[in-house]
Amino acid sequence: MIPAREVLFTARSLAGFSHVTEDALAAFRDARVRRLIRHAYDRVPWYHSLFEAHGIRPADIRGVRDLPRVPATGRAELQACAAEAVVARGIDLGRLVVNR
């Protein structure tokens, strides 16, 4: 689940985009991709290991056009992992609802 503050941040950020250039919108998208990749690398052990195994560093992913460098992940792969590996550090695992 996406935290409410993230939804509000994104909504507020996008609200001003009705009259922006395509370049500005692309820059916004690329910044969000970089932020997401950095978060996954720094806080989610499974993604950190995946990136390391493929020689990928967050700085290698500069935006949307670099996303094909990120290895595809299947649902079965993630379901086979322990929750501690696929949930960001700092999240209370006791509050998770697991559905299989």
PDB file of N, CA and C in Angstrom:
ATOM      1  N   MET A   1       0.849  -1.184   0.000  1.00  0.00           N
ATOM      2  CA  MET A   1       0.000   0.000   0.000  1.00  0.00           C
ATOM      3  C   MET A   1       0.889   1.240   0.000  1.00  0.00           C
ATOM      4  N   ILE A   2       0.520   2.195  -0.799  1.00  0.00           N
ATOM      5  CA  ILE A   2       1.286   3.432  -0.906  1.00  0.00           C
ATOM      6  C   ILE A   2       0.869   4.366   0.230  1.00  0.00           C
ATOM      7  N   PRO A   3       1.852   4.899   0.983  1.00  0.00           N
ATOM      8  CA  PRO A   3       1.498   5.827   2.063  1.00  0.00           C
ATOM      9  C   PRO A   3       0.748   7.045   1.532  1.00  0.00           C
ATOM     10  N   ALA A   4      -0.194   7.522   2.318  1.00  0.00           N
ATOM     11  CA  ALA A   4      -1.019   8.661   1.913  1.00  0.00           C
ATOM     12  C   ALA A   4      -0.168   9.875   1.565  1.00  0.00           C
ATOM     13  N   ARG A   5       0.931  10.085   2.295  1.00  0.00           N
ATOM     14  CA  ARG A   5       1.763  11.258   2.012  1.00  0.00           C
ATOM     15  C   ARG A   5       2.397  11.166   0.627  1.00  0.00           C
ATOM     16  N   GLU A   6       2.697   9.940   0.171  1.00  0.00           N
ATOM     17  CA  GLU A   6       3.249   9.761  -1.171  1.00  0.00           C
ATOM     18  C   GLU A   6       2.199  10.101  -2.230  1.00  0.00           C
ATOM     19  N   VAL A   7       0.978   9.662  -2.003  1.00  0.00           N
ATOM     20  CA  VAL A   7      -0.105   9.952  -2.938  1.00  0.00           C
ATOM     21  C   VAL A   7      -0.329  11.454  -3.012  1.00  0.00           C
ATOM     22  N   LEU A   8      -0.356  12.107  -1.857  1.00  0.00           N
ATOM     23  CA  LEU A   8      -0.560  13.558  -1.843  1.00  0.00           C
ATOM     24  C   LEU A   8       0.596  14.286  -2.516  1.00  0.00           C
ATOM     25  N   PHE A   9       1.831  13.846  -2.252  1.00  0.00           N
ATOM     26  CA  PHE A   9       2.987  14.474  -2.882  1.00  0.00           C
ATOM     27  C   PHE A   9       2.892  14.373  -4.399  1.00  0.00           C
ATOM     28  N   THR A  10       2.569  13.182  -4.892  1.00  0.00           N
ATOM     29  CA  THR A  10       2.471  12.976  -6.326  1.00  0.00           C
ATOM     30  C   THR A  10       1.322  13.778  -6.918  1.00  0.00           C
ATOM     31  N   ALA A  11       0.178  13.780  -6.243  1.00  0.00           N
ATOM     32  CA  ALA A  11      -0.978  14.535  -6.741  1.00  0.00           C
ATOM     33  C   ALA A  11      -0.668  16.025  -6.809  1.00  0.00           C
ATOM     34  N   ARG A  12      -0.031  16.537  -5.752  1.00  0.00           N
ATOM     35  CA  ARG A  12       0.323  17.963  -5.757  1.00  0.00           C
ATOM     36  C   ARG A  12       1.348  18.264  -6.837  1.00  0.00           C
ATOM     37  N   SER A  13       2.280  17.356  -7.013  1.00  0.00           N
ATOM     38  CA  SER A  13       3.312  17.560  -8.033  1.00  0.00           C
ATOM     39  C   SER A  13       2.698  17.572  -9.418  1.00  0.00           C
ATOM     40  N   LEU A  14       1.768  16.655  -9.662  1.00  0.00           N
ATOM     41  CA  LEU A  14       1.157  16.558 -10.983  1.00  0.00           C
ATOM     42  C   LEU A  14       0.139  17.664 -11.242  1.00  0.00           C
ATOM     43  N   ALA A  15      -0.426  18.234 -10.193  1.00  0.00           N
ATOM     44  CA  ALA A  15      -1.453  19.274 -10.356  1.00  0.00           C
ATOM     45  C   ALA A  15      -0.929  20.449 -11.163  1.00  0.00           C
ATOM     46  N   GLY A  16       0.331  20.744 -11.024  1.00  0.00           N
ATOM     47  CA  GLY A  16       0.895  21.874 -11.751  1.00  0.00           C
ATOM     48  C   GLY A  16       1.352  21.540 -13.155  1.00  0.00           C
ATOM     49  N   PHE A  17       1.107  20.317 -13.617  1.00  0.00           N
ATOM     50  CA  PHE A  17       1.622  19.895 -14.910  1.00  0.00           C
ATOM     51  C   PHE A  17       0.669  20.119 -16.086  1.00  0.00           C
ATOM     52  N   SER A  18      -0.399  20.834 -15.899  1.00  0.00           N
ATOM     53  CA  SER A  18      -1.337  21.010 -17.003  1.00  0.00           C
ATOM     54  C   SER A  18      -0.761  21.859 -18.127  1.00  0.00           C
ATOM     55  N   HIS A  19       0.230  22.702 -17.830  1.00  0.00           N
ATOM     56  CA  HIS A  19       0.788  23.575 -18.862  1.00  0.00           C
ATOM     57  C   HIS A  19       2.299  23.460 -18.953  1.00  0.00           C
ATOM     58  N   VAL A  20       2.857  22.320 -18.594  1.00  0.00           N
ATOM     59  CA  VAL A  20       4.306  22.170 -18.647  1.00  0.00           C
ATOM     60  C   VAL A  20       4.732  21.522 -19.950  1.00  0.00           C
ATOM     61  N   THR A  21       5.987  21.652 -20.226  1.00  0.00           N
ATOM     62  CA  THR A  21       6.526  21.070 -21.452  1.00  0.00           C
ATOM     63  C   THR A  21       6.727  19.571 -21.282  1.00  0.00           C
ATOM     64  N   GLU A  22       6.857  18.889 -22.413  1.00  0.00           N
ATOM     65  CA  GLU A  22       7.136  17.452 -22.353  1.00  0.00           C
ATOM     66  C   GLU A  22       8.468  17.188 -21.677  1.00  0.00           C
ATOM     67  N   ASP A  23       9.428  18.078 -21.880  1.00  0.00           N
ATOM     68  CA  ASP A  23      10.737  17.907 -21.246  1.00  0.00           C
ATOM     69  C   ASP A  23      10.629  17.973 -19.726  1.00  0.00           C
ATOM     70  N   ALA A  24       9.806  18.894 -19.232  1.00  0.00           N
ATOM     71  CA  ALA A  24       9.636  19.011 -17.783  1.00  0.00           C
ATOM     72  C   ALA A  24       8.930  17.779 -17.226  1.00  0.00           C
ATOM     73  N   LEU A  25       7.948  17.268 -17.954  1.00  0.00           N
ATOM     74  CA  LEU A  25       7.238  16.075 -17.509  1.00  0.00           C
ATOM     75  C   LEU A  25       8.185  14.867 -17.525  1.00  0.00           C
ATOM     76  N   ALA A  26       9.003  14.753 -18.550  1.00  0.00           N
ATOM     77  CA  ALA A  26       9.975  13.661 -18.633  1.00  0.00           C
ATOM     78  C   ALA A  26      10.979  13.755 -17.479  1.00  0.00           C
ATOM     79  N   ALA A  27      11.399  14.953 -17.149  1.00  0.00           N
ATOM     80  CA  ALA A  27      12.338  15.140 -16.037  1.00  0.00           C
ATOM     81  C   ALA A  27      11.697  14.706 -14.723  1.00  0.00           C
ATOM     82  N   PHE A  28      10.422  15.030 -14.547  1.00  0.00           N
ATOM     83  CA  PHE A  28       9.696  14.615 -13.343  1.00  0.00           C
ATOM     84  C   PHE A  28       9.621  13.096 -13.263  1.00  0.00           C
ATOM     85  N   ARG A  29       9.239  12.442 -14.382  1.00  0.00           N
ATOM     86  CA  ARG A  29       9.159  10.972 -14.415  1.00  0.00           C
ATOM     87  C   ARG A  29      10.504  10.341 -14.095  1.00  0.00           C
ATOM     88  N   ASP A  30      11.560  10.881 -14.707  1.00  0.00           N
ATOM     89  CA  ASP A  30      12.889  10.318 -14.489  1.00  0.00           C
ATOM     90  C   ASP A  30      13.332  10.470 -13.035  1.00  0.00           C
ATOM     91  N   ALA A  31      13.001  11.595 -12.426  1.00  0.00           N
ATOM     92  CA  ALA A  31      13.345  11.807 -11.016  1.00  0.00           C
ATOM     93  C   ALA A  31      12.615  10.799 -10.131  1.00  0.00           C
ATOM     94  N   ARG A  32      11.349  10.520 -10.439  1.00  0.00           N
ATOM     95  CA  ARG A  32      10.584   9.539  -9.658  1.00  0.00           C
ATOM     96  C   ARG A  32      11.149   8.132  -9.845  1.00  0.00           C
ATOM     97  N   VAL A  33      11.575   7.789 -11.052  1.00  0.00           N
ATOM     98  CA  VAL A  33      12.190   6.477 -11.299  1.00  0.00           C
ATOM     99  C   VAL A  33      13.481   6.362 -10.498  1.00  0.00           C
ATOM    100  N   ARG A  34      14.320   7.393 -10.535  1.00  0.00           N
ATOM    101  CA  ARG A  34      15.570   7.358  -9.770  1.00  0.00           C
ATOM    102  C   ARG A  34      15.295   7.182  -8.279  1.00  0.00           C
ATOM    103  N   ARG A  35      14.294   7.866  -7.782  1.00  0.00           N
ATOM    104  CA  ARG A  35      13.933   7.767  -6.363  1.00  0.00           C
ATOM    105  C   ARG A  35      13.475   6.351  -6.012  1.00  0.00           C
ATOM    106  N   LEU A  36      12.659   5.752  -6.874  1.00  0.00           N
ATOM    107  CA  LEU A  36      12.168   4.406  -6.637  1.00  0.00           C
ATOM    108  C   LEU A  36      13.309   3.383  -6.661  1.00  0.00           C
ATOM    109  N   ILE A  37      14.192   3.492  -7.636  1.00  0.00           N
ATOM    110  CA  ILE A  37      15.331   2.570  -7.741  1.00  0.00           C
ATOM    111  C   ILE A  37      16.238   2.719  -6.520  1.00  0.00           C
ATOM    112  N   ARG A  38      16.506   3.943  -6.110  1.00  0.00           N
ATOM    113  CA  ARG A  38      17.355   4.178  -4.932  1.00  0.00           C
ATOM    114  C   ARG A  38      16.715   3.561  -3.687  1.00  0.00           C
ATOM    115  N   HIS A  39      15.398   3.745  -3.544  1.00  0.00           N
ATOM    116  CA  HIS A  39      14.678   3.164  -2.408  1.00  0.00           C
ATOM    117  C   HIS A  39      14.795   1.638  -2.422  1.00  0.00           C
ATOM    118  N   ALA A  40      14.540   1.016  -3.566  1.00  0.00           N
ATOM    119  CA  ALA A  40      14.603  -0.444  -3.662  1.00  0.00           C
ATOM    120  C   ALA A  40      15.999  -0.943  -3.319  1.00  0.00           C
ATOM    121  N   TYR A  41      17.017  -0.284  -3.837  1.00  0.00           N
ATOM    122  CA  TYR A  41      18.400  -0.700  -3.602  1.00  0.00           C
ATOM    123  C   TYR A  41      18.792  -0.529  -2.137  1.00  0.00           C
ATOM    124  N   ASP A  42      18.430   0.581  -1.562  1.00  0.00           N
ATOM    125  CA  ASP A  42      18.846   0.901  -0.187  1.00  0.00           C
ATOM    126  C   ASP A  42      18.036   0.185   0.891  1.00  0.00           C
ATOM    127  N   ARG A  43      16.752  -0.083   0.629  1.00  0.00           N
ATOM    128  CA  ARG A  43      15.884  -0.530   1.724  1.00  0.00           C
ATOM    129  C   ARG A  43      15.248  -1.891   1.544  1.00  0.00           C
ATOM    130  N   VAL A  44      15.317  -2.490   0.350  1.00  0.00           N
ATOM    131  CA  VAL A  44      14.680  -3.796   0.134  1.00  0.00           C
ATOM    132  C   VAL A  44      15.770  -4.817  -0.172  1.00  0.00           C
ATOM    133  N   PRO A  45      16.083  -5.690   0.778  1.00  0.00           N
ATOM    134  CA  PRO A  45      17.200  -6.616   0.605  1.00  0.00           C
ATOM    135  C   PRO A  45      17.166  -7.433  -0.684  1.00  0.00           C
ATOM    136  N   TRP A  46      16.006  -7.918  -1.080  1.00  0.00           N
ATOM    137  CA  TRP A  46      15.925  -8.737  -2.291  1.00  0.00           C
ATOM    138  C   TRP A  46      16.342  -7.938  -3.522  1.00  0.00           C
ATOM    139  N   TYR A  47      15.855  -6.719  -3.640  1.00  0.00           N
ATOM    140  CA  TYR A  47      16.228  -5.897  -4.795  1.00  0.00           C
ATOM    141  C   TYR A  47      17.694  -5.498  -4.746  1.00  0.00           C
ATOM    142  N   HIS A  48      18.212  -5.254  -3.560  1.00  0.00           N
ATOM    143  CA  HIS A  48      19.633  -4.949  -3.433  1.00  0.00           C
ATOM    144  C   HIS A  48      20.458  -6.122  -3.978  1.00  0.00           C
ATOM    145  N   SER A  49      20.103  -7.325  -3.577  1.00  0.00           N
ATOM    146  CA  SER A  49      20.812  -8.519  -4.054  1.00  0.00           C
ATOM    147  C   SER A  49      20.642  -8.705  -5.563  1.00  0.00           C
ATOM    148  N   LEU A  50      19.452  -8.479  -6.064  1.00  0.00           N
ATOM    149  CA  LEU A  50      19.189  -8.610  -7.503  1.00  0.00           C
ATOM    150  C   LEU A  50      20.048  -7.638  -8.296  1.00  0.00           C
ATOM    151  N   PHE A  51      20.062  -6.382  -7.873  1.00  0.00           N
ATOM    152  CA  PHE A  51      20.866  -5.379  -8.573  1.00  0.00           C
ATOM    153  C   PHE A  51      22.345  -5.732  -8.513  1.00  0.00           C
ATOM    154  N   GLU A  52      22.815  -6.146  -7.342  1.00  0.00           N
ATOM    155  CA  GLU A  52      24.221  -6.517  -7.187  1.00  0.00           C
ATOM    156  C   GLU A  52      24.577  -7.684  -8.105  1.00  0.00           C
ATOM    157  N   ALA A  53      23.711  -8.694  -8.165  1.00  0.00           N
ATOM    158  CA  ALA A  53      23.971  -9.877  -8.991  1.00  0.00           C
ATOM    159  C   ALA A  53      24.074  -9.534 -10.473  1.00  0.00           C
ATOM    160  N   HIS A  54      23.407  -8.470 -10.886  1.00  0.00           N
ATOM    161  CA  HIS A  54      23.440  -8.049 -12.290  1.00  0.00           C
ATOM    162  C   HIS A  54      24.361  -6.857 -12.525  1.00  0.00           C
ATOM    163  N   GLY A  55      25.117  -6.485 -11.511  1.00  0.00           N
ATOM    164  CA  GLY A  55      26.064  -5.384 -11.657  1.00  0.00           C
ATOM    165  C   GLY A  55      25.423  -4.031 -11.856  1.00  0.00           C
ATOM    166  N   ILE A  56      24.254  -3.847 -11.283  1.00  0.00           N
ATOM    167  CA  ILE A  56      23.517  -2.582 -11.430  1.00  0.00           C
ATOM    168  C   ILE A  56      23.646  -1.769 -10.154  1.00  0.00           C
ATOM    169  N   ARG A  57      23.941  -0.513 -10.315  1.00  0.00           N
ATOM    170  CA  ARG A  57      23.961   0.449  -9.212  1.00  0.00           C
ATOM    171  C   ARG A  57      22.848   1.469  -9.483  1.00  0.00           C
ATOM    172  N   PRO A  58      22.281   2.054  -8.441  1.00  0.00           N
ATOM    173  CA  PRO A  58      21.220   3.045  -8.670  1.00  0.00           C
ATOM    174  C   PRO A  58      21.627   4.155  -9.650  1.00  0.00           C
ATOM    175  N   ALA A  59      22.875   4.565  -9.620  1.00  0.00           N
ATOM    176  CA  ALA A  59      23.323   5.627 -10.528  1.00  0.00           C
ATOM    177  C   ALA A  59      23.258   5.203 -11.996  1.00  0.00           C
ATOM    178  N   ASP A  60      23.198   3.894 -12.252  1.00  0.00           N
ATOM    179  CA  ASP A  60      23.108   3.394 -13.626  1.00  0.00           C
ATOM    180  C   ASP A  60      21.728   3.621 -14.228  1.00  0.00           C
ATOM    181  N   ILE A  61      20.724   3.779 -13.383  1.00  0.00           N
ATOM    182  CA  ILE A  61      19.343   3.968 -13.842  1.00  0.00           C
ATOM    183  C   ILE A  61      19.015   5.452 -13.691  1.00  0.00           C
ATOM    184  N   ARG A  62      19.119   6.155 -14.789  1.00  0.00           N
ATOM    185  CA  ARG A  62      18.934   7.608 -14.759  1.00  0.00           C
ATOM    186  C   ARG A  62      17.510   8.044 -15.080  1.00  0.00           C
ATOM    187  N   GLY A  63      16.718   7.094 -15.561  1.00  0.00           N
ATOM    188  CA  GLY A  63      15.345   7.443 -15.891  1.00  0.00           C
ATOM    189  C   GLY A  63      14.622   6.301 -16.571  1.00  0.00           C
ATOM    190  N   VAL A  64      13.473   6.623 -17.138  1.00  0.00           N
ATOM    191  CA  VAL A  64      12.601   5.633 -17.770  1.00  0.00           C
ATOM    192  C   VAL A  64      13.331   4.846 -18.849  1.00  0.00           C
ATOM    193  N   ARG A  65      14.142   5.495 -19.642  1.00  0.00           N
ATOM    194  CA  ARG A  65      14.794   4.781 -20.754  1.00  0.00           C
ATOM    195  C   ARG A  65      15.795   3.731 -20.277  1.00  0.00           C
ATOM    196  N   ASP A  66      16.244   3.808 -19.025  1.00  0.00           N
ATOM    197  CA  ASP A  66      17.179   2.820 -18.485  1.00  0.00           C
ATOM    198  C   ASP A  66      16.477   1.648 -17.805  1.00  0.00           C
ATOM    199  N   LEU A  67      15.175   1.688 -17.668  1.00  0.00           N
ATOM    200  CA  LEU A  67      14.450   0.626 -16.968  1.00  0.00           C
ATOM    201  C   LEU A  67      14.645  -0.765 -17.587  1.00  0.00           C
ATOM    202  N   PRO A  68      14.832  -0.887 -18.895  1.00  0.00           N
ATOM    203  CA  PRO A  68      15.080  -2.229 -19.437  1.00  0.00           C
ATOM    204  C   PRO A  68      16.336  -2.898 -18.870  1.00  0.00           C
ATOM    205  N   ARG A  69      17.230  -2.145 -18.275  1.00  0.00           N
ATOM    206  CA  ARG A  69      18.423  -2.720 -17.640  1.00  0.00           C
ATOM    207  C   ARG A  69      18.099  -3.443 -16.342  1.00  0.00           C
ATOM    208  N   VAL A  70      16.958  -3.107 -15.737  1.00  0.00           N
ATOM    209  CA  VAL A  70      16.545  -3.741 -14.479  1.00  0.00           C
ATOM    210  C   VAL A  70      15.947  -5.105 -14.821  1.00  0.00           C
ATOM    211  N   PRO A  71      16.477  -6.183 -14.235  1.00  0.00           N
ATOM    212  CA  PRO A  71      15.962  -7.521 -14.533  1.00  0.00           C
ATOM    213  C   PRO A  71      14.487  -7.657 -14.164  1.00  0.00           C
ATOM    214  N   ALA A  72      13.745  -8.335 -15.017  1.00  0.00           N
ATOM    215  CA  ALA A  72      12.330  -8.585 -14.749  1.00  0.00           C
ATOM    216  C   ALA A  72      12.209  -9.540 -13.567  1.00  0.00           C
ATOM    217  N   THR A  73      11.186  -9.333 -12.773  1.00  0.00           N
ATOM    218  CA  THR A  73      10.927 -10.155 -11.608  1.00  0.00           C
ATOM    219  C   THR A  73       9.536 -10.736 -11.714  1.00  0.00           C
ATOM    220  N   GLY A  74       9.426 -12.027 -11.517  1.00  0.00           N
ATOM    221  CA  GLY A  74       8.124 -12.686 -11.583  1.00  0.00           C
ATOM    222  C   GLY A  74       7.462 -12.794 -10.220  1.00  0.00           C
ATOM    223  N   ARG A  75       6.191 -12.933 -10.256  1.00  0.00           N
ATOM    224  CA  ARG A  75       5.400 -13.053  -9.026  1.00  0.00           C
ATOM    225  C   ARG A  75       5.866 -14.245  -8.194  1.00  0.00           C
ATOM    226  N   ALA A  76       6.099 -15.380  -8.858  1.00  0.00           N
ATOM    227  CA  ALA A  76       6.511 -16.592  -8.143  1.00  0.00           C
ATOM    228  C   ALA A  76       7.839 -16.374  -7.416  1.00  0.00           C
ATOM    229  N   GLU A  77       8.757 -15.627  -8.042  1.00  0.00           N
ATOM    230  CA  GLU A  77      10.048 -15.339  -7.399  1.00  0.00           C
ATOM    231  C   GLU A  77       9.853 -14.583  -6.086  1.00  0.00           C
ATOM    232  N   LEU A  78       9.004 -13.582  -6.133  1.00  0.00           N
ATOM    233  CA  LEU A  78       8.768 -12.774  -4.933  1.00  0.00           C
ATOM    234  C   LEU A  78       8.018 -13.560  -3.867  1.00  0.00           C
ATOM    235  N   GLN A  79       7.060 -14.378  -4.275  1.00  0.00           N
ATOM    236  CA  GLN A  79       6.292 -15.155  -3.312  1.00  0.00           C
ATOM    237  C   GLN A  79       7.155 -16.209  -2.618  1.00  0.00           C
ATOM    238  N   ALA A  80       8.218 -16.644  -3.268  1.00  0.00           N
ATOM    239  CA  ALA A  80       9.104 -17.653  -2.687  1.00  0.00           C
ATOM    240  C   ALA A  80      10.031 -17.066  -1.621  1.00  0.00           C
ATOM    241  N   CYS A  81      10.111 -15.756  -1.550  1.00  0.00           N
ATOM    242  CA  CYS A  81      11.015 -15.084  -0.609  1.00  0.00           C
ATOM    243  C   CYS A  81      10.360 -14.889   0.749  1.00  0.00           C
ATOM    244  N   ALA A  82      11.198 -14.832   1.764  1.00  0.00           N
ATOM    245  CA  ALA A  82      10.712 -14.466   3.098  1.00  0.00           C
ATOM    246  C   ALA A  82      10.289 -13.001   3.074  1.00  0.00           C
ATOM    247  N   ALA A  83       9.324 -12.653   3.886  1.00  0.00           N
ATOM    248  CA  ALA A  83       8.835 -11.275   3.929  1.00  0.00           C
ATOM    249  C   ALA A  83       9.958 -10.288   4.228  1.00  0.00           C
ATOM    250  N   GLU A  84      10.886 -10.677   5.084  1.00  0.00           N
ATOM    251  CA  GLU A  84      11.992  -9.791   5.449  1.00  0.00           C
ATOM    252  C   GLU A  84      12.839  -9.391   4.244  1.00  0.00           C
ATOM    253  N   ALA A  85      12.837 -10.222   3.212  1.00  0.00           N
ATOM    254  CA  ALA A  85      13.659  -9.952   2.034  1.00  0.00           C
ATOM    255  C   ALA A  85      12.986  -8.998   1.056  1.00  0.00           C
ATOM    256  N   VAL A  86      11.649  -8.997   1.029  1.00  0.00           N
ATOM    257  CA  VAL A  86      10.961  -8.215   0.005  1.00  0.00           C
ATOM    258  C   VAL A  86      10.208  -6.998   0.542  1.00  0.00           C
ATOM    259  N   VAL A  87      10.250  -6.814   1.839  1.00  0.00           N
ATOM    260  CA  VAL A  87       9.602  -5.649   2.449  1.00  0.00           C
ATOM    261  C   VAL A  87      10.701  -4.671   2.857  1.00  0.00           C
ATOM    262  N   ALA A  88      10.466  -3.416   2.616  1.00  0.00           N
ATOM    263  CA  ALA A  88      11.465  -2.384   2.925  1.00  0.00           C
ATOM    264  C   ALA A  88      11.796  -2.385   4.411  1.00  0.00           C
ATOM    265  N   ARG A  89      13.075  -2.173   4.686  1.00  0.00           N
ATOM    266  CA  ARG A  89      13.513  -2.048   6.084  1.00  0.00           C
ATOM    267  C   ARG A  89      12.732  -0.926   6.759  1.00  0.00           C
ATOM    268  N   GLY A  90      12.395  -1.146   8.015  1.00  0.00           N
ATOM    269  CA  GLY A  90      11.656  -0.126   8.766  1.00  0.00           C
ATOM    270  C   GLY A  90      10.154  -0.353   8.765  1.00  0.00           C
ATOM    271  N   ILE A  91       9.675  -1.285   7.952  1.00  0.00           N
ATOM    272  CA  ILE A  91       8.251  -1.600   7.938  1.00  0.00           C
ATOM    273  C   ILE A  91       7.981  -2.686   8.970  1.00  0.00           C
ATOM    274  N   ASP A  92       6.960  -2.505   9.772  1.00  0.00           N
ATOM    275  CA  ASP A  92       6.602  -3.462  10.805  1.00  0.00           C
ATOM    276  C   ASP A  92       5.961  -4.686  10.157  1.00  0.00           C
ATOM    277  N   LEU A  93       6.693  -5.794  10.126  1.00  0.00           N
ATOM    278  CA  LEU A  93       6.200  -7.021   9.497  1.00  0.00           C
ATOM    279  C   LEU A  93       4.966  -7.576  10.211  1.00  0.00           C
ATOM    280  N   GLY A  94       4.817  -7.244  11.471  1.00  0.00           N
ATOM    281  CA  GLY A  94       3.659  -7.695  12.224  1.00  0.00           C
ATOM    282  C   GLY A  94       2.351  -7.103  11.731  1.00  0.00           C
ATOM    283  N   ARG A  95       2.432  -6.027  10.980  1.00  0.00           N
ATOM    284  CA  ARG A  95       1.214  -5.370  10.480  1.00  0.00           C
ATOM    285  C   ARG A  95       0.846  -5.832   9.076  1.00  0.00           C
ATOM    286  N   LEU A  96       1.680  -6.706   8.487  1.00  0.00           N
ATOM    287  CA  LEU A  96       1.399  -7.173   7.133  1.00  0.00           C
ATOM    288  C   LEU A  96       0.267  -8.175   7.108  1.00  0.00           C
ATOM    289  N   VAL A  97      -0.520  -8.122   6.057  1.00  0.00           N
ATOM    290  CA  VAL A  97      -1.555  -9.117   5.803  1.00  0.00           C
ATOM    291  C   VAL A  97      -1.076  -9.925   4.608  1.00  0.00           C
ATOM    292  N   VAL A  98      -0.872 -11.210   4.826  1.00  0.00           N
ATOM    293  CA  VAL A  98      -0.351 -12.063   3.771  1.00  0.00           C
ATOM    294  C   VAL A  98      -1.495 -12.818   3.128  1.00  0.00           C
ATOM    295  N   ASN A  99      -1.608 -12.714   1.802  1.00  0.00           N
ATOM    296  CA  ASN A  99      -2.607 -13.450   1.025  1.00  0.00           C
ATOM    297  C   ASN A  99      -1.873 -14.309   0.022  1.00  0.00           C
ATOM    298  N   ARG A 100      -2.234 -15.556  -0.065  1.00  0.00           N
ATOM    299  CA  ARG A 100      -1.611 -16.464  -1.034  1.00  0.00           C
ATOM    300  C   ARG A 100      -2.662 -17.144  -1.861  1.00  0.00           C
TER     301      ARG A 100
END
